[in-house]
N, C-alpha and C. Protein backbone atom coordinates (compact mmCIF):
# COMPACT_ATOMS: atom_id res chain seq x y z
N MET A 1 0.84 -1.17 0.00
CA MET A 1 0.00 0.00 0.00
C MET A 1 0.89 1.24 0.00
N LYS A 2 0.57 2.19 -0.87
CA LYS A 2 1.35 3.40 -0.99
C LYS A 2 1.03 4.34 0.17
N PHE A 3 2.05 4.96 0.71
CA PHE A 3 1.86 5.89 1.82
C PHE A 3 1.54 7.28 1.28
N THR A 4 0.52 7.90 1.84
CA THR A 4 0.17 9.27 1.53
C THR A 4 0.09 10.04 2.84
N ALA A 5 0.89 11.09 2.93
CA ALA A 5 0.90 11.90 4.16
C ALA A 5 -0.44 12.62 4.30
N ILE A 6 -0.84 12.84 5.54
CA ILE A 6 -2.07 13.59 5.81
C ILE A 6 -1.68 14.94 6.41
N LYS A 7 -2.61 15.87 6.41
CA LYS A 7 -2.35 17.18 6.99
C LYS A 7 -2.53 17.09 8.50
N CYS A 8 -1.42 17.09 9.20
CA CYS A 8 -1.44 17.09 10.66
C CYS A 8 -0.15 17.73 11.15
N HIS A 9 0.05 17.76 12.45
CA HIS A 9 1.22 18.41 13.01
C HIS A 9 2.45 17.52 13.09
N GLN A 10 2.32 16.26 12.69
CA GLN A 10 3.45 15.34 12.73
C GLN A 10 4.22 15.40 11.41
N PRO A 11 5.56 15.34 11.47
CA PRO A 11 6.33 15.28 10.23
C PRO A 11 6.06 13.97 9.49
N VAL A 12 6.35 13.96 8.21
CA VAL A 12 6.07 12.80 7.37
C VAL A 12 6.77 11.55 7.91
N ALA A 13 7.99 11.68 8.41
CA ALA A 13 8.72 10.52 8.93
C ALA A 13 7.96 9.88 10.10
N VAL A 14 7.38 10.70 10.96
CA VAL A 14 6.61 10.19 12.10
C VAL A 14 5.31 9.57 11.61
N GLN A 15 4.68 10.18 10.62
CA GLN A 15 3.46 9.61 10.05
C GLN A 15 3.73 8.22 9.47
N LYS A 16 4.87 8.06 8.83
CA LYS A 16 5.24 6.75 8.29
C LYS A 16 5.43 5.73 9.40
N LEU A 17 6.02 6.16 10.50
CA LEU A 17 6.21 5.28 11.65
C LEU A 17 4.87 4.86 12.24
N ILE A 18 3.95 5.80 12.37
CA ILE A 18 2.62 5.49 12.88
C ILE A 18 1.93 4.50 11.96
N ARG A 19 1.98 4.77 10.66
CA ARG A 19 1.33 3.88 9.68
C ARG A 19 1.92 2.48 9.75
N ALA A 20 3.25 2.39 9.91
CA ALA A 20 3.90 1.08 10.00
C ALA A 20 3.41 0.32 11.23
N ASN A 21 3.25 1.02 12.34
CA ASN A 21 2.73 0.39 13.56
C ASN A 21 1.31 -0.11 13.35
N LEU A 22 0.49 0.68 12.70
CA LEU A 22 -0.89 0.28 12.46
C LEU A 22 -0.97 -0.89 11.49
N ASP A 23 -0.10 -0.90 10.48
CA ASP A 23 -0.08 -2.00 9.52
C ASP A 23 0.38 -3.31 10.16
N ALA A 24 1.19 -3.20 11.21
CA ALA A 24 1.71 -4.39 11.89
C ALA A 24 0.88 -4.76 13.11
N TRP A 25 -0.37 -4.37 13.14
CA TRP A 25 -1.26 -4.53 14.29
C TRP A 25 -1.19 -5.92 14.92
N LYS A 26 -1.33 -6.95 14.13
CA LYS A 26 -1.40 -8.29 14.72
C LYS A 26 -0.06 -8.76 15.27
N TYR A 27 1.02 -8.08 14.95
CA TYR A 27 2.34 -8.44 15.47
C TYR A 27 2.78 -7.56 16.63
N LEU A 28 1.99 -6.54 16.95
CA LEU A 28 2.36 -5.63 18.04
C LEU A 28 2.17 -6.29 19.39
N PRO A 29 3.02 -5.93 20.36
CA PRO A 29 2.79 -6.43 21.72
C PRO A 29 1.48 -5.85 22.27
N GLU A 30 0.91 -6.53 23.23
CA GLU A 30 -0.38 -6.12 23.78
C GLU A 30 -0.35 -4.70 24.33
N ARG A 31 0.76 -4.28 24.93
CA ARG A 31 0.83 -2.92 25.49
C ARG A 31 0.69 -1.86 24.40
N ASP A 32 1.24 -2.12 23.21
CA ASP A 32 1.11 -1.17 22.10
C ASP A 32 -0.31 -1.17 21.55
N ARG A 33 -0.92 -2.34 21.48
CA ARG A 33 -2.32 -2.41 21.04
C ARG A 33 -3.22 -1.66 22.01
N THR A 34 -2.96 -1.83 23.29
CA THR A 34 -3.75 -1.14 24.32
C THR A 34 -3.60 0.37 24.17
N LYS A 35 -2.38 0.83 23.91
CA LYS A 35 -2.12 2.26 23.71
C LYS A 35 -2.96 2.80 22.55
N ILE A 36 -3.01 2.05 21.45
CA ILE A 36 -3.77 2.47 20.28
C ILE A 36 -5.26 2.47 20.60
N ARG A 37 -5.74 1.43 21.27
CA ARG A 37 -7.17 1.36 21.64
C ARG A 37 -7.56 2.54 22.54
N GLN A 38 -6.70 2.87 23.50
CA GLN A 38 -6.99 3.98 24.40
C GLN A 38 -7.04 5.30 23.65
N LEU A 39 -6.13 5.48 22.71
CA LEU A 39 -6.11 6.70 21.92
C LEU A 39 -7.37 6.82 21.06
N VAL A 40 -7.79 5.72 20.47
CA VAL A 40 -9.04 5.71 19.70
C VAL A 40 -10.21 6.05 20.62
N GLY A 41 -10.21 5.49 21.82
CA GLY A 41 -11.27 5.77 22.79
C GLY A 41 -11.32 7.23 23.22
N GLU A 42 -10.18 7.87 23.31
CA GLU A 42 -10.13 9.29 23.68
C GLU A 42 -10.69 10.17 22.57
N ILE A 43 -10.46 9.77 21.33
CA ILE A 43 -10.86 10.60 20.19
C ILE A 43 -12.32 10.41 19.83
N ALA A 44 -12.77 9.17 19.82
CA ALA A 44 -14.14 8.86 19.42
C ALA A 44 -15.13 9.27 20.50
N LYS A 45 -16.20 9.91 20.09
CA LYS A 45 -17.23 10.36 21.03
C LYS A 45 -18.32 9.31 21.22
N THR A 46 -18.46 8.41 20.26
CA THR A 46 -19.49 7.36 20.34
C THR A 46 -18.86 6.02 19.94
N PRO A 47 -19.49 4.91 20.30
CA PRO A 47 -18.97 3.62 19.88
C PRO A 47 -18.87 3.47 18.35
N MET A 48 -19.81 4.05 17.61
CA MET A 48 -19.75 3.96 16.15
C MET A 48 -18.58 4.76 15.59
N GLU A 49 -18.26 5.88 16.22
CA GLU A 49 -17.08 6.63 15.79
C GLU A 49 -15.82 5.83 16.06
N GLY A 50 -15.78 5.16 17.20
CA GLY A 50 -14.64 4.31 17.52
C GLY A 50 -14.48 3.19 16.50
N ARG A 51 -15.58 2.57 16.13
CA ARG A 51 -15.57 1.51 15.13
C ARG A 51 -15.09 2.04 13.78
N ALA A 52 -15.57 3.23 13.42
CA ALA A 52 -15.18 3.84 12.14
C ALA A 52 -13.68 4.14 12.13
N LEU A 53 -13.18 4.71 13.22
CA LEU A 53 -11.75 5.03 13.28
C LEU A 53 -10.91 3.77 13.25
N TYR A 54 -11.34 2.74 13.96
CA TYR A 54 -10.64 1.46 13.95
C TYR A 54 -10.60 0.87 12.54
N ASP A 55 -11.73 0.92 11.84
CA ASP A 55 -11.78 0.38 10.48
C ASP A 55 -10.82 1.11 9.54
N VAL A 56 -10.73 2.41 9.70
CA VAL A 56 -9.85 3.20 8.83
C VAL A 56 -8.38 2.96 9.20
N LEU A 57 -8.08 2.98 10.49
CA LEU A 57 -6.68 2.88 10.91
C LEU A 57 -6.14 1.46 10.84
N ILE A 58 -6.86 0.51 11.36
CA ILE A 58 -6.36 -0.86 11.50
C ILE A 58 -6.70 -1.72 10.30
N ARG A 59 -7.91 -1.64 9.85
CA ARG A 59 -8.35 -2.50 8.75
C ARG A 59 -8.03 -1.91 7.38
N GLY A 60 -7.62 -0.64 7.34
CA GLY A 60 -7.23 -0.02 6.08
C GLY A 60 -8.38 0.30 5.16
N LYS A 61 -9.58 0.41 5.70
CA LYS A 61 -10.74 0.75 4.87
C LYS A 61 -10.75 2.25 4.60
N SER A 62 -11.32 2.62 3.49
CA SER A 62 -11.35 4.04 3.14
C SER A 62 -12.39 4.77 3.99
N PRO A 63 -12.14 6.05 4.27
CA PRO A 63 -13.12 6.83 5.02
C PRO A 63 -14.47 6.90 4.31
N GLU A 64 -14.45 6.90 2.99
CA GLU A 64 -15.70 6.98 2.23
C GLU A 64 -16.57 5.76 2.47
N VAL A 65 -15.99 4.58 2.34
CA VAL A 65 -16.74 3.33 2.55
C VAL A 65 -17.15 3.21 4.01
N THR A 66 -16.24 3.54 4.91
CA THR A 66 -16.53 3.44 6.33
C THR A 66 -17.69 4.35 6.72
N ALA A 67 -17.75 5.53 6.13
CA ALA A 67 -18.83 6.46 6.44
C ALA A 67 -20.19 5.89 6.07
N THR A 68 -20.27 5.21 4.96
CA THR A 68 -21.57 4.65 4.55
C THR A 68 -21.98 3.46 5.41
N VAL A 69 -21.00 2.72 5.90
CA VAL A 69 -21.30 1.54 6.71
C VAL A 69 -21.63 1.91 8.15
N THR A 70 -20.90 2.86 8.70
CA THR A 70 -21.07 3.19 10.12
C THR A 70 -22.00 4.38 10.37
N PHE A 71 -22.37 5.09 9.33
CA PHE A 71 -23.21 6.29 9.43
C PHE A 71 -22.54 7.40 10.22
N VAL A 72 -21.21 7.41 10.21
CA VAL A 72 -20.43 8.50 10.78
C VAL A 72 -20.02 9.37 9.59
N ALA A 73 -20.16 10.67 9.73
CA ALA A 73 -19.86 11.58 8.63
C ALA A 73 -18.41 11.41 8.17
N GLU A 74 -18.23 11.41 6.87
CA GLU A 74 -16.89 11.25 6.29
C GLU A 74 -15.94 12.32 6.80
N ARG A 75 -16.44 13.53 6.91
CA ARG A 75 -15.61 14.63 7.42
C ARG A 75 -15.15 14.34 8.86
N ARG A 76 -16.04 13.79 9.66
CA ARG A 76 -15.70 13.43 11.05
C ARG A 76 -14.64 12.35 11.08
N ILE A 77 -14.71 11.39 10.18
CA ILE A 77 -13.71 10.31 10.13
C ILE A 77 -12.34 10.89 9.79
N TYR A 78 -12.30 11.78 8.82
CA TYR A 78 -11.02 12.41 8.47
C TYR A 78 -10.47 13.21 9.66
N GLN A 79 -11.35 13.91 10.37
CA GLN A 79 -10.93 14.69 11.53
C GLN A 79 -10.39 13.78 12.64
N MET A 80 -11.06 12.67 12.89
CA MET A 80 -10.59 11.74 13.93
C MET A 80 -9.24 11.14 13.55
N ARG A 81 -9.07 10.81 12.28
CA ARG A 81 -7.77 10.26 11.85
C ARG A 81 -6.66 11.29 12.03
N ARG A 82 -6.94 12.54 11.69
CA ARG A 82 -5.97 13.62 11.88
C ARG A 82 -5.65 13.78 13.37
N ASP A 83 -6.69 13.75 14.21
CA ASP A 83 -6.48 13.86 15.65
C ASP A 83 -5.63 12.70 16.18
N PHE A 84 -5.89 11.49 15.66
CA PHE A 84 -5.11 10.32 16.08
C PHE A 84 -3.63 10.54 15.80
N TYR A 85 -3.31 10.97 14.60
CA TYR A 85 -1.91 11.21 14.25
C TYR A 85 -1.31 12.33 15.09
N ASP A 86 -2.08 13.38 15.33
CA ASP A 86 -1.59 14.49 16.14
C ASP A 86 -1.32 14.11 17.60
N MET A 87 -2.15 13.21 18.13
CA MET A 87 -2.04 12.84 19.54
C MET A 87 -1.04 11.71 19.79
N TRP A 88 -0.54 11.08 18.74
CA TRP A 88 0.40 9.98 18.87
C TRP A 88 1.68 10.48 19.53
N GLU A 89 2.14 9.77 20.53
CA GLU A 89 3.40 10.11 21.22
C GLU A 89 4.44 9.05 20.93
N ILE A 90 5.61 9.51 20.64
CA ILE A 90 6.70 8.56 20.35
C ILE A 90 7.46 8.24 21.61
């Protein structure tokens, strides 16, 4: 999958590191998975928003498709993804 930087406060190198961690989800230690789950929980205001963000970040689904399935606004999904990248701590 080709990497495309998003508009956030993290440099591209950090965005690539975040994406690599998300792509390696099933190989991450439980503490790292817990960190990601907690961050998603902080950003999402509802369980459906959490599901939408999880689908975009972990499952690699597009925000457009996820919006139609979860009934979360596409704009909100993009905003949550941007917030996730901004809140990531190295």
